[in-house]
Amino acid sequence: LFAMLASFGIGCGTQINAIAEVLETNLPISLPRIAIGIIFGIITAIIIIGGIESIAVVCEKLVPLMALFYVVGCIVILCANYDFLLPALKAIFVLAFKPGAVTGGLVGGGIRLALQYGVARGLFSNESGMGSAPLVASAAQTRNPVRQALVSATGTFWTTVVVCLMTGLVLVSSMMKNPAVNAENMANGGQMTTAAFAQIPYIGPLILMVSIITFAYSTILGWSYYGERAAEYLLGKKAILPYKVLFIAVVVCAPVLALDLVWTIADVLNAFMAIPNLIAVLLLSGVIAAETKHYLKHLDEKDESEIPVVDR
């Protein structure tokens, strides 16, 4: 139930809102947000009605493209800011652990807000603990579930440790090099990132725009599948079409909603999904450990068993 509901928040509302914001900021012409919603709603309808095969075909092309565009853009900026990289790393660690920062975080409601935003945004970056990734990993054709689980686990490293670290260094080094790229002068993080990428002449904003759109849109398609699986499990195959129609409606309407409202809804639904899943993971930890040890112990053995094929 919570997975199905969360698909409308983290998987759809926030993502299409991010797409609308980046298009509104970087397009030379003014495009109404509702028009953006309608355009992406039509594209989404065409893709998700085709099922998991259609979603997979689109995502396997979008994901390498978005990674290439964004990572190359970050590398170019970091090379341009090379003399500020060590000071940026030092600033991050000093400000995270110096007494003033720790004390400030522990006063009054500061620790609550620090935990709330830290956990919420960390969860948003990789979905660890929500139970969403297994919904799509279970559709993979593999001889052993442990093998697929190990492959899926690398996603946390790439999204958070690599991509988020690069983004952080880009922002901090850019703020040190160019005082105009400053949180106090920007309405939100998106504008800060746009200003940072503007350091790449001519194509910087284009790289960021393409990256954000592909990042966000591949997430929308993936979560449409998560929600569809959850709806079918709860209500049967008859629920799939109504769910898809509702999901498409959210794609159309979410761009015109207030960003704070969209984020709040997403954070609440994420928590509702994570809590029961984390309890289940703890209860199943013995099974997970035993299966993993067995798989690693027999890693060198040749497995010629048939790969299970599930009709999706």
Protein backbone atom coordinates (compact mmCIF):
# COMPACT_ATOMS: atom_id res chain seq x y z
CA LEU A 1 0.00 0.00 0.00
CA PHE A 2 2.72 2.47 1.00
CA ALA A 3 4.80 1.59 -2.08
CA MET A 4 1.84 2.36 -4.31
CA LEU A 5 1.22 5.68 -2.55
CA ALA A 6 4.93 6.63 -2.50
CA SER A 7 5.11 6.17 -6.27
CA PHE A 8 3.00 9.32 -6.61
CA GLY A 9 5.40 11.32 -4.38
CA ILE A 10 9.10 10.43 -4.64
CA GLY A 11 8.56 8.63 -7.92
CA CYS A 12 6.43 11.17 -9.75
CA GLY A 13 5.50 14.48 -8.10
CA THR A 14 8.98 15.64 -7.09
CA GLN A 15 10.56 14.39 -10.31
CA ILE A 16 8.18 16.10 -12.76
CA ASN A 17 8.37 19.24 -10.60
CA ALA A 18 12.18 19.20 -10.99
CA ILE A 19 11.81 18.80 -14.75
CA ALA A 20 9.40 21.73 -14.92
CA GLU A 21 11.74 23.90 -12.82
CA VAL A 22 14.83 23.22 -14.96
CA LEU A 23 12.91 23.81 -18.19
CA GLU A 24 11.42 27.02 -16.79
CA THR A 25 14.90 28.25 -15.76
CA ASN A 26 16.88 27.28 -18.87
CA LEU A 27 14.52 27.42 -21.87
CA PRO A 28 14.75 30.62 -23.92
CA ILE A 29 10.96 30.65 -24.29
CA SER A 30 8.39 30.72 -21.52
CA LEU A 31 6.51 27.43 -21.35
CA PRO A 32 3.56 27.16 -18.88
CA ARG A 33 4.08 24.46 -16.26
CA ILE A 34 0.75 22.83 -17.12
CA ALA A 35 1.94 22.53 -20.73
CA ILE A 36 5.08 20.74 -19.50
CA GLY A 37 2.88 18.40 -17.47
CA ILE A 38 0.63 17.62 -20.45
CA ILE A 39 3.60 16.94 -22.76
CA PHE A 40 5.28 14.57 -20.32
CA GLY A 41 1.93 13.03 -19.41
CA ILE A 42 1.37 12.03 -23.05
CA ILE A 43 4.92 10.62 -23.38
CA THR A 44 4.54 8.71 -20.09
CA ALA A 45 1.20 7.25 -21.17
CA ILE A 46 2.71 5.93 -24.40
CA ILE A 47 5.63 4.30 -22.55
CA ILE A 48 4.06 2.80 -19.41
CA ILE A 49 1.06 1.32 -21.20
CA GLY A 50 3.64 -0.85 -23.01
CA GLY A 51 4.61 -2.50 -19.69
CA ILE A 52 8.00 -3.43 -18.19
CA GLU A 53 9.59 -4.22 -21.57
CA SER A 54 8.76 -0.74 -22.88
CA ILE A 55 10.00 0.90 -19.67
CA ALA A 56 13.24 -1.12 -19.76
CA VAL A 57 13.95 -0.20 -23.38
CA VAL A 58 13.60 3.53 -22.62
CA CYS A 59 15.51 3.45 -19.31
CA GLU A 60 18.47 1.46 -20.66
CA LYS A 61 18.98 4.29 -23.15
CA LEU A 62 18.29 7.17 -20.72
CA VAL A 63 20.48 5.99 -17.83
CA PRO A 64 23.84 5.83 -19.69
CA LEU A 65 23.01 9.14 -21.37
CA MET A 66 22.22 10.91 -18.10
CA ALA A 67 25.32 9.48 -16.40
CA LEU A 68 27.57 10.52 -19.27
CA PHE A 69 26.21 14.06 -19.52
CA TYR A 70 26.21 14.78 -15.79
CA VAL A 71 29.48 13.12 -14.81
CA VAL A 72 31.39 14.65 -17.72
CA GLY A 73 29.92 18.07 -16.84
CA CYS A 74 31.00 17.67 -13.20
CA ILE A 75 34.50 16.56 -14.20
CA VAL A 76 34.91 19.60 -16.48
CA ILE A 77 33.87 21.96 -13.66
CA LEU A 78 36.09 20.20 -11.09
CA CYS A 79 39.04 20.46 -13.49
CA ALA A 80 38.33 24.18 -13.92
CA ASN A 81 38.11 24.54 -10.11
CA TYR A 82 41.11 22.25 -9.42
CA ASP A 83 42.86 24.81 -7.19
CA PHE A 84 39.77 24.93 -4.92
CA LEU A 85 39.19 21.16 -4.57
CA LEU A 86 41.34 20.60 -1.47
CA PRO A 87 39.98 23.75 0.25
CA ALA A 88 36.45 22.54 -0.61
CA LEU A 89 37.06 19.12 0.95
CA LYS A 90 38.64 20.76 4.00
CA ALA A 91 35.69 23.15 4.37
CA ILE A 92 33.18 20.27 4.19
CA PHE A 93 34.92 18.30 6.95
CA VAL A 94 35.71 21.31 9.16
CA LEU A 95 32.17 22.68 9.01
CA ALA A 96 30.70 19.22 9.61
CA PHE A 97 32.75 18.47 12.75
CA LYS A 98 33.87 21.75 14.27
CA PRO A 99 32.38 22.49 17.75
CA GLY A 100 30.22 25.33 16.49
CA ALA A 101 28.47 23.16 13.93
CA VAL A 102 27.94 20.29 16.38
CA THR A 103 26.73 22.60 19.14
CA GLY A 104 24.39 24.39 16.78
CA GLY A 105 22.95 21.07 15.68
CA LEU A 106 22.25 20.03 19.27
CA VAL A 107 20.49 23.19 20.43
CA GLY A 108 16.69 23.13 20.68
CA GLY A 109 15.07 21.57 17.63
CA GLY A 110 18.29 21.76 15.60
CA ILE A 111 19.18 18.08 16.02
CA ARG A 112 15.66 17.05 14.99
CA LEU A 113 15.81 19.14 11.82
CA ALA A 114 19.34 17.95 11.03
CA LEU A 115 18.27 14.31 11.36
CA GLN A 116 15.02 14.89 9.49
CA TYR A 117 16.61 16.51 6.44
CA GLY A 118 19.71 14.32 6.51
CA VAL A 119 17.72 11.08 6.52
CA ALA A 120 15.05 12.37 4.12
CA ARG A 121 17.49 13.58 1.47
CA GLY A 122 19.80 10.59 1.92
CA LEU A 123 16.82 8.29 1.42
CA PHE A 124 15.80 10.31 -1.60
CA SER A 125 19.20 9.90 -3.25
CA ASN A 126 19.30 6.09 -3.22
CA GLU A 127 16.02 4.73 -1.74
CA SER A 128 17.99 2.43 0.60
CA GLY A 129 15.71 0.71 3.08
CA MET A 130 12.46 1.63 1.35
CA GLY A 131 12.01 -1.74 -0.35
CA SER A 132 11.44 -0.15 -3.76
CA ALA A 133 14.51 -1.53 -5.57
CA PRO A 134 13.54 -5.22 -5.06
CA LEU A 135 10.31 -4.55 -6.97
CA VAL A 136 12.27 -4.09 -10.18
CA ALA A 137 15.22 -6.36 -9.26
CA SER A 138 12.77 -9.25 -8.89
CA ALA A 139 11.89 -8.87 -12.58
CA ALA A 140 15.50 -9.64 -13.59
CA GLN A 141 16.21 -13.06 -15.11
CA THR A 142 18.95 -14.62 -12.95
CA ARG A 143 19.89 -18.04 -11.57
CA ASN A 144 20.42 -16.77 -8.04
CA PRO A 145 18.68 -13.97 -6.12
CA VAL A 146 21.85 -13.22 -4.13
CA ARG A 147 23.71 -12.37 -7.35
CA GLN A 148 21.01 -9.90 -8.35
CA ALA A 149 20.96 -8.45 -4.83
CA LEU A 150 24.71 -7.82 -4.92
CA VAL A 151 24.38 -6.08 -8.29
CA SER A 152 21.49 -3.94 -6.97
CA ALA A 153 23.47 -3.01 -3.86
CA THR A 154 26.06 -1.19 -5.97
CA GLY A 155 23.40 1.39 -6.86
CA THR A 156 23.77 3.03 -3.45
CA PHE A 157 27.50 3.52 -4.00
CA TRP A 158 27.16 5.06 -7.45
CA THR A 159 24.23 7.36 -6.70
CA THR A 160 25.29 8.64 -3.28
CA VAL A 161 29.05 8.20 -2.91
CA VAL A 162 29.99 9.07 -6.50
CA VAL A 163 27.28 11.33 -7.99
CA CYS A 164 26.30 13.19 -4.79
CA LEU A 165 29.95 13.66 -3.76
CA MET A 166 30.78 15.10 -7.18
CA THR A 167 27.79 17.43 -6.96
CA GLY A 168 28.82 18.61 -3.50
CA LEU A 169 32.38 19.31 -4.61
CA VAL A 170 31.12 21.14 -7.71
CA LEU A 171 28.91 23.40 -5.59
CA VAL A 172 31.39 24.12 -2.79
CA SER A 173 34.39 24.68 -5.10
CA SER A 174 32.24 26.89 -7.35
CA MET A 175 31.09 28.98 -4.37
CA MET A 176 34.72 29.44 -3.31
CA LYS A 177 35.83 30.40 -6.81
CA ASN A 178 32.80 32.52 -7.69
CA PRO A 179 31.00 34.25 -4.78
CA ALA A 180 27.94 34.78 -7.01
CA VAL A 181 27.22 31.05 -6.70
CA ASN A 182 25.97 31.35 -3.14
CA ALA A 183 23.07 29.80 -1.24
CA GLU A 184 22.09 33.22 0.12
CA ASN A 185 21.60 34.56 -3.41
CA MET A 186 19.69 31.56 -4.75
CA ALA A 187 16.09 30.49 -4.16
CA ASN A 188 16.92 26.76 -4.14
CA GLY A 189 19.58 24.14 -4.82
CA GLY A 190 18.53 23.87 -8.46
CA GLN A 191 19.48 27.50 -9.09
CA MET A 192 22.83 26.96 -7.34
CA THR A 193 23.60 23.97 -9.57
CA THR A 194 22.55 25.92 -12.66
CA ALA A 195 24.89 28.75 -11.70
CA ALA A 196 27.72 26.27 -11.10
CA PHE A 197 27.23 24.60 -14.50
CA ALA A 198 27.08 28.01 -16.17
CA GLN A 199 30.88 28.05 -15.68
CA ILE A 200 31.04 25.78 -18.74
CA PRO A 201 30.66 28.29 -21.60
CA TYR A 202 27.59 27.94 -23.82
CA ILE A 203 26.79 24.26 -23.17
CA GLY A 204 26.90 24.17 -19.34
CA PRO A 205 23.19 24.89 -18.74
CA LEU A 206 22.28 22.51 -21.60
CA ILE A 207 24.30 19.67 -20.00
CA LEU A 208 22.56 20.25 -16.67
CA MET A 209 19.11 20.48 -18.27
CA VAL A 210 19.54 17.21 -20.20
CA SER A 211 20.99 15.48 -17.13
CA ILE A 212 18.19 16.51 -14.76
CA ILE A 213 15.47 15.65 -17.27
CA THR A 214 16.91 12.19 -17.97
CA PHE A 215 17.61 11.53 -14.25
CA ALA A 216 14.12 12.57 -13.22
CA TYR A 217 12.26 10.98 -16.11
CA SER A 218 13.95 7.58 -15.78
CA THR A 219 12.94 7.71 -12.09
CA ILE A 220 9.33 8.44 -13.08
CA LEU A 221 9.26 5.41 -15.39
CA GLY A 222 10.88 3.13 -12.82
CA TRP A 223 8.46 4.15 -10.08
CA SER A 224 5.48 3.69 -12.36
CA TYR A 225 6.49 0.02 -12.48
CA TYR A 226 6.95 -0.14 -8.68
CA GLY A 227 3.48 1.27 -8.11
CA GLU A 228 1.95 -0.99 -10.76
CA ARG A 229 3.40 -4.12 -9.09
CA ALA A 230 2.09 -2.97 -5.71
CA ALA A 231 -1.38 -2.19 -7.10
CA GLU A 232 -1.59 -5.60 -8.80
CA TYR A 233 -0.50 -7.40 -5.62
CA LEU A 234 -3.14 -5.62 -3.55
CA LEU A 235 -6.09 -5.52 -5.94
CA GLY A 236 -5.30 -7.85 -8.84
CA LYS A 237 -4.72 -7.21 -12.54
CA LYS A 238 -7.91 -5.15 -12.79
CA ALA A 239 -6.17 -2.39 -10.79
CA ILE A 240 -3.29 -1.90 -13.25
CA LEU A 241 -5.09 0.32 -15.79
CA PRO A 242 -6.73 2.62 -13.18
CA TYR A 243 -3.37 2.95 -11.44
CA LYS A 244 -1.64 3.95 -14.69
CA VAL A 245 -4.34 6.52 -15.42
CA LEU A 246 -3.95 8.04 -11.93
CA PHE A 247 -0.15 8.04 -12.28
CA ILE A 248 -0.37 9.88 -15.60
CA ALA A 249 -2.77 12.39 -14.01
CA VAL A 250 -0.16 13.13 -11.31
CA VAL A 251 2.49 13.68 -14.02
CA VAL A 252 0.19 16.25 -15.62
CA CYS A 253 -0.86 18.06 -12.42
CA ALA A 254 2.27 17.96 -10.20
CA PRO A 255 4.24 20.70 -12.04
CA VAL A 256 1.73 23.35 -10.94
CA LEU A 257 1.76 22.32 -7.25
CA ALA A 258 3.87 24.20 -4.70
CA LEU A 259 7.32 22.58 -4.42
CA ASP A 260 7.28 22.56 -0.59
CA LEU A 261 3.97 20.69 -0.59
CA VAL A 262 5.26 18.09 -3.07
CA TRP A 263 8.41 17.47 -1.01
CA THR A 264 6.47 17.19 2.25
CA ILE A 265 4.07 14.63 0.77
CA ALA A 266 7.00 12.66 -0.66
CA ASP A 267 8.90 12.64 2.67
CA VAL A 268 5.87 11.42 4.63
CA LEU A 269 5.10 8.65 2.14
CA ASN A 270 8.77 7.59 2.10
CA ALA A 271 8.72 7.18 5.88
CA PHE A 272 5.50 5.16 5.75
CA MET A 273 7.13 2.84 3.22
CA ALA A 274 10.52 2.53 4.96
CA ILE A 275 9.34 1.73 8.50
CA PRO A 276 7.54 -1.61 7.80
CA ASN A 277 10.21 -2.58 5.25
CA LEU A 278 13.10 -2.03 7.69
CA ILE A 279 11.30 -4.12 10.32
CA ALA A 280 10.90 -6.91 7.75
CA VAL A 281 14.58 -6.69 6.72
CA LEU A 282 15.67 -7.02 10.36
CA LEU A 283 13.43 -10.05 10.86
CA LEU A 284 14.78 -11.64 7.66
CA SER A 285 18.45 -10.77 8.36
CA GLY A 286 19.24 -14.39 9.32
CA VAL A 287 17.90 -15.67 6.00
CA ILE A 288 19.78 -12.96 4.09
CA ALA A 289 23.08 -13.81 5.84
CA ALA A 290 22.67 -17.57 5.30
CA GLU A 291 21.81 -17.21 1.59
CA THR A 292 24.69 -14.80 1.00
CA LYS A 293 27.25 -17.04 2.76
CA HIS A 294 26.05 -20.07 0.77
CA TYR A 295 26.31 -18.18 -2.52
CA LEU A 296 29.82 -16.82 -1.81
CA LYS A 297 31.02 -20.24 -0.58
CA HIS A 298 30.00 -21.86 -3.90
CA LEU A 299 30.99 -18.92 -6.09
CA ASP A 300 33.52 -20.93 -8.12
CA GLU A 301 31.08 -23.70 -8.94
CA LYS A 302 29.56 -23.64 -12.41
CA ASP A 303 25.81 -23.14 -12.29
CA GLU A 304 24.06 -24.65 -15.30
CA SER A 305 20.53 -24.52 -13.95
CA GLU A 306 17.87 -22.89 -16.08
CA ILE A 307 17.23 -19.21 -15.57
CA PRO A 308 13.65 -18.80 -14.28
CA VAL A 309 11.46 -16.82 -16.65
CA VAL A 310 8.47 -15.03 -15.15
CA ASP A 311 5.74 -13.71 -17.40
CA ARG A 312 5.34 -10.02 -16.58
